C-alpha cells in the first residue's frame, strides 16, 4: 500500500520582484536594523558571486560578508541601484534592466557594460547616457 506524503509548504524565499519597489524591498538587508542594502541579495539578483561583487566595489572579499554596512560597499550598491533604476525607467521591467546592466555593451563607452562602468566609478556618465536615451524616446 503506498504511503501518502504530505506536502509541507516551504518557507517562501524572497524574490527579486516585478516592480522597482519590490526589487528595492528585496535588496533591504534583513539582518540589520538600519536602512542598508544587502550585498548578498544584490549578488543573488545579478547572479554573481560575492568575490565578483567585492572586485566591482573595490573592497576586500571579506568586507562584503563581515562589514556589509561599510560606506564603500553601500556606496557601490547605491550607485549600481541608481543605474539599474534608470534601466527600469526605460525598459519598464526589472528583469530587462538587470539583463541590460550586466550584458549590454554600450557603444558610446567603448562597448563596456553599465556594470563595468559603475565598477569604474562612471555612474554619472551612465546616468547621463540613460537620460539622453529617455529624452530621445520621449522627444
C-alpha atoms as a PDB file:
ATOM      1  CA  UNK A   1       0.000   0.000   0.000  1.00  0.00           C
ATOM      2  CA  UNK A   2       1.533   3.350  -0.999  1.00  0.00           C
ATOM      3  CA  UNK A   3       2.307   5.739   1.775  1.00  0.00           C
ATOM      4  CA  UNK A   4       0.691   9.113   1.351  1.00  0.00           C
ATOM      5  CA  UNK A   5       3.043  12.019   1.755  1.00  0.00           C
ATOM      6  CA  UNK A   6       2.023  15.363   2.996  1.00  0.00           C
ATOM      7  CA  UNK A   7       3.174  18.341   1.052  1.00  0.00           C
ATOM      8  CA  UNK A   8       4.969  20.515   3.534  1.00  0.00           C
ATOM      9  CA  UNK A   9       4.905  24.091   2.375  1.00  0.00           C
ATOM     10  CA  UNK A  10       8.345  25.639   2.127  1.00  0.00           C
ATOM     11  CA  UNK A  11       9.094  28.990   3.594  1.00  0.00           C
ATOM     12  CA  UNK A  12       8.992  31.301   0.663  1.00  0.00           C
ATOM     13  CA  UNK A  13      12.308  32.737  -0.348  1.00  0.00           C
ATOM     14  CA  UNK A  14      12.376  36.437  -1.074  1.00  0.00           C
ATOM     15  CA  UNK A  15      12.181  37.169  -4.768  1.00  0.00           C
ATOM     16  CA  UNK A  16      13.585  39.971  -6.861  1.00  0.00           C
ATOM     17  CA  UNK A  17      10.115  41.211  -7.718  1.00  0.00           C
ATOM     18  CA  UNK A  18       8.498  42.596 -10.812  1.00  0.00           C
ATOM     19  CA  UNK A  19       8.465  46.268  -9.861  1.00  0.00           C
ATOM     20  CA  UNK A  20      11.208  48.613  -8.741  1.00  0.00           C
ATOM     21  CA  UNK A  21       9.575  48.908  -5.329  1.00  0.00           C
ATOM     22  CA  UNK A  22       9.557  45.115  -4.916  1.00  0.00           C
ATOM     23  CA  UNK A  23      13.162  44.923  -6.105  1.00  0.00           C
ATOM     24  CA  UNK A  24      14.221  47.612  -3.637  1.00  0.00           C
ATOM     25  CA  UNK A  25      12.391  45.830  -0.824  1.00  0.00           C
ATOM     26  CA  UNK A  26      14.119  42.575  -1.825  1.00  0.00           C
ATOM     27  CA  UNK A  27      17.512  44.332  -1.528  1.00  0.00           C
ATOM     28  CA  UNK A  28      16.785  45.506   2.032  1.00  0.00           C
ATOM     29  CA  UNK A  29      19.181  43.743   4.389  1.00  0.00           C
ATOM     30  CA  UNK A  30      17.026  41.603   6.704  1.00  0.00           C
ATOM     31  CA  UNK A  31      19.924  41.049   9.104  1.00  0.00           C
ATOM     32  CA  UNK A  32      20.384  44.667  10.138  1.00  0.00           C
ATOM     33  CA  UNK A  33      18.031  47.144  11.765  1.00  0.00           C
ATOM     34  CA  UNK A  34      19.367  50.041   9.695  1.00  0.00           C
ATOM     35  CA  UNK A  35      18.463  51.099   6.172  1.00  0.00           C
ATOM     36  CA  UNK A  36      21.103  49.009   4.422  1.00  0.00           C
ATOM     37  CA  UNK A  37      21.184  47.234   1.091  1.00  0.00           C
ATOM     38  CA  UNK A  38      22.118  43.564   1.266  1.00  0.00           C
ATOM     39  CA  UNK A  39      25.261  42.661  -0.701  1.00  0.00           C
ATOM     40  CA  UNK A  40      24.193  39.009  -0.591  1.00  0.00           C
ATOM     41  CA  UNK A  41      20.792  39.730  -2.097  1.00  0.00           C
ATOM     42  CA  UNK A  42      22.300  42.100  -4.669  1.00  0.00           C
ATOM     43  CA  UNK A  43      24.737  39.422  -5.801  1.00  0.00           C
ATOM     44  CA  UNK A  44      21.934  36.853  -5.922  1.00  0.00           C
ATOM     45  CA  UNK A  45      19.755  39.163  -8.031  1.00  0.00           C
ATOM     46  CA  UNK A  46      22.578  39.696 -10.519  1.00  0.00           C
ATOM     47  CA  UNK A  47      23.761  36.074 -10.387  1.00  0.00           C
ATOM     48  CA  UNK A  48      27.289  36.993  -9.372  1.00  0.00           C
ATOM     49  CA  UNK A  49      29.363  35.629  -6.517  1.00  0.00           C
ATOM     50  CA  UNK A  50      30.456  37.751  -3.583  1.00  0.00           C
ATOM     51  CA  UNK A  51      34.073  37.750  -4.802  1.00  0.00           C
ATOM     52  CA  UNK A  52      32.974  39.388  -8.060  1.00  0.00           C
ATOM     53  CA  UNK A  53      30.899  41.914  -6.129  1.00  0.00           C
ATOM     54  CA  UNK A  54      33.910  42.718  -3.939  1.00  0.00           C
ATOM     55  CA  UNK A  55      36.065  43.258  -7.030  1.00  0.00           C
ATOM     56  CA  UNK A  56      33.474  45.576  -8.563  1.00  0.00           C
ATOM     57  CA  UNK A  57      33.158  47.540  -5.317  1.00  0.00           C
ATOM     58  CA  UNK A  58      36.950  47.661  -4.928  1.00  0.00           C
ATOM     59  CA  UNK A  59      36.893  46.134  -1.458  1.00  0.00           C
ATOM     60  CA  UNK A  60      38.439  43.019   0.058  1.00  0.00           C
ATOM     61  CA  UNK A  61      36.227  39.952  -0.357  1.00  0.00           C
ATOM     62  CA  UNK A  62      35.814  39.651   3.423  1.00  0.00           C
ATOM     63  CA  UNK A  63      34.397  43.175   3.619  1.00  0.00           C
ATOM     64  CA  UNK A  64      31.288  42.081   1.734  1.00  0.00           C
ATOM     65  CA  UNK A  65      30.363  39.469   4.346  1.00  0.00           C
ATOM     66  CA  UNK A  66      31.946  40.886   7.508  1.00  0.00           C
ATOM     67  CA  UNK A  67      31.126  44.572   7.021  1.00  0.00           C
ATOM     68  CA  UNK A  68      28.207  44.762   4.579  1.00  0.00           C
ATOM     69  CA  UNK A  69      27.257  48.145   6.007  1.00  0.00           C
ATOM     70  CA  UNK A  70      30.634  49.712   5.280  1.00  0.00           C
ATOM     71  CA  UNK A  71      30.494  53.011   3.435  1.00  0.00           C
ATOM     72  CA  UNK A  72      32.391  51.696   0.416  1.00  0.00           C
ATOM     73  CA  UNK A  73      30.117  48.669  -0.034  1.00  0.00           C
ATOM     74  CA  UNK A  74      26.905  50.644   0.449  1.00  0.00           C
ATOM     75  CA  UNK A  75      28.127  53.420  -1.860  1.00  0.00           C
ATOM     76  CA  UNK A  76      28.783  50.905  -4.627  1.00  0.00           C
ATOM     77  CA  UNK A  77      25.400  49.209  -4.143  1.00  0.00           C
ATOM     78  CA  UNK A  78      23.601  52.558  -4.238  1.00  0.00           C
ATOM     79  CA  UNK A  79      25.483  53.630  -7.371  1.00  0.00           C
ATOM     80  CA  UNK A  80      24.548  50.348  -9.039  1.00  0.00           C
ATOM     81  CA  UNK A  81      20.953  50.741  -7.934  1.00  0.00           C
ATOM     82  CA  UNK A  82      20.773  54.228  -9.498  1.00  0.00           C
ATOM     83  CA  UNK A  83      21.834  52.850 -12.871  1.00  0.00           C
ATOM     84  CA  UNK A  84      19.538  49.828 -12.596  1.00  0.00           C
ATOM     85  CA  UNK A  85      16.647  52.171 -11.719  1.00  0.00           C
ATOM     86  CA  UNK A  86      17.406  54.226 -14.825  1.00  0.00           C
ATOM     87  CA  UNK A  87      17.287  50.984 -16.821  1.00  0.00           C
ATOM     88  CA  UNK A  88      13.946  50.098 -15.251  1.00  0.00           C
ATOM     89  CA  UNK A  89      12.604  53.557 -16.098  1.00  0.00           C
ATOM     90  CA  UNK A  90      13.470  52.952 -19.756  1.00  0.00           C
ATOM     91  CA  UNK A  91      12.539  49.280 -20.112  1.00  0.00           C
ATOM     92  CA  UNK A  92       9.699  49.138 -17.609  1.00  0.00           C
ATOM     93  CA  UNK A  93      10.864  45.767 -16.280  1.00  0.00           C
ATOM     94  CA  UNK A  94      13.250  44.785 -13.511  1.00  0.00           C
ATOM     95  CA  UNK A  95      14.439  41.633 -15.289  1.00  0.00           C
ATOM     96  CA  UNK A  96      15.176  43.505 -18.527  1.00  0.00           C
ATOM     97  CA  UNK A  97      17.027  46.252 -16.662  1.00  0.00           C
ATOM     98  CA  UNK A  98      19.168  43.707 -14.792  1.00  0.00           C
ATOM     99  CA  UNK A  99      19.972  41.945 -18.057  1.00  0.00           C
ATOM    100  CA  UNK A 100      20.866  45.286 -19.681  1.00  0.00           C
ATOM    101  CA  UNK A 101      23.020  46.339 -16.709  1.00  0.00           C
ATOM    102  CA  UNK A 102      25.092  43.148 -16.837  1.00  0.00           C
ATOM    103  CA  UNK A 103      25.201  42.297 -20.522  1.00  0.00           C
ATOM    104  CA  UNK A 104      24.533  45.121 -22.989  1.00  0.00           C
ATOM    105  CA  UNK A 105      27.763  46.511 -24.438  1.00  0.00           C
ATOM    106  CA  UNK A 106      27.311  50.264 -24.803  1.00  0.00           C
ATOM    107  CA  UNK A 107      28.912  51.598 -27.986  1.00  0.00           C
ATOM    108  CA  UNK A 108      29.207  55.111 -26.541  1.00  0.00           C
ATOM    109  CA  UNK A 109      31.522  53.713 -23.850  1.00  0.00           C
ATOM    110  CA  UNK A 110      33.807  51.502 -25.890  1.00  0.00           C
ATOM    111  CA  UNK A 111      31.379  48.591 -25.656  1.00  0.00           C
ATOM    112  CA  UNK A 112      31.618  48.296 -21.889  1.00  0.00           C
ATOM    113  CA  UNK A 113      28.533  47.319 -19.943  1.00  0.00           C
ATOM    114  CA  UNK A 114      26.809  49.535 -17.408  1.00  0.00           C
ATOM    115  CA  UNK A 115      28.045  47.118 -14.743  1.00  0.00           C
ATOM    116  CA  UNK A 116      31.662  47.623 -15.823  1.00  0.00           C
ATOM    117  CA  UNK A 117      31.220  51.394 -15.945  1.00  0.00           C
ATOM    118  CA  UNK A 118      29.760  51.567 -12.440  1.00  0.00           C
ATOM    119  CA  UNK A 119      32.701  49.467 -11.239  1.00  0.00           C
ATOM    120  CA  UNK A 120      34.998  52.085 -12.796  1.00  0.00           C
ATOM    121  CA  UNK A 121      33.219  54.866 -10.912  1.00  0.00           C
ATOM    122  CA  UNK A 122      31.431  56.204 -14.003  1.00  0.00           C
ATOM    123  CA  UNK A 123      27.890  56.077 -12.601  1.00  0.00           C
ATOM    124  CA  UNK A 124      27.108  59.674 -13.534  1.00  0.00           C
ATOM    125  CA  UNK A 125      28.253  59.080 -17.133  1.00  0.00           C
ATOM    126  CA  UNK A 126      25.866  56.135 -17.438  1.00  0.00           C
ATOM    127  CA  UNK A 127      23.033  58.133 -15.883  1.00  0.00           C
ATOM    128  CA  UNK A 128      23.561  60.956 -18.386  1.00  0.00           C
ATOM    129  CA  UNK A 129      23.559  58.363 -21.172  1.00  0.00           C
ATOM    130  CA  UNK A 130      20.292  56.790 -19.998  1.00  0.00           C
ATOM    131  CA  UNK A 131      18.742  60.252 -19.566  1.00  0.00           C
ATOM    132  CA  UNK A 132      19.624  61.052 -23.185  1.00  0.00           C
ATOM    133  CA  UNK A 133      18.020  57.772 -24.292  1.00  0.00           C
ATOM    134  CA  UNK A 134      14.922  58.536 -22.287  1.00  0.00           C
ATOM    135  CA  UNK A 135      14.741  62.088 -23.674  1.00  0.00           C
ATOM    136  CA  UNK A 136      15.146  60.755 -27.202  1.00  0.00           C
ATOM    137  CA  UNK A 137      12.343  58.272 -26.648  1.00  0.00           C
ATOM    138  CA  UNK A 138      10.128  60.969 -25.123  1.00  0.00           C
ATOM    139  CA  UNK A 139      11.064  63.717 -27.562  1.00  0.00           C
END
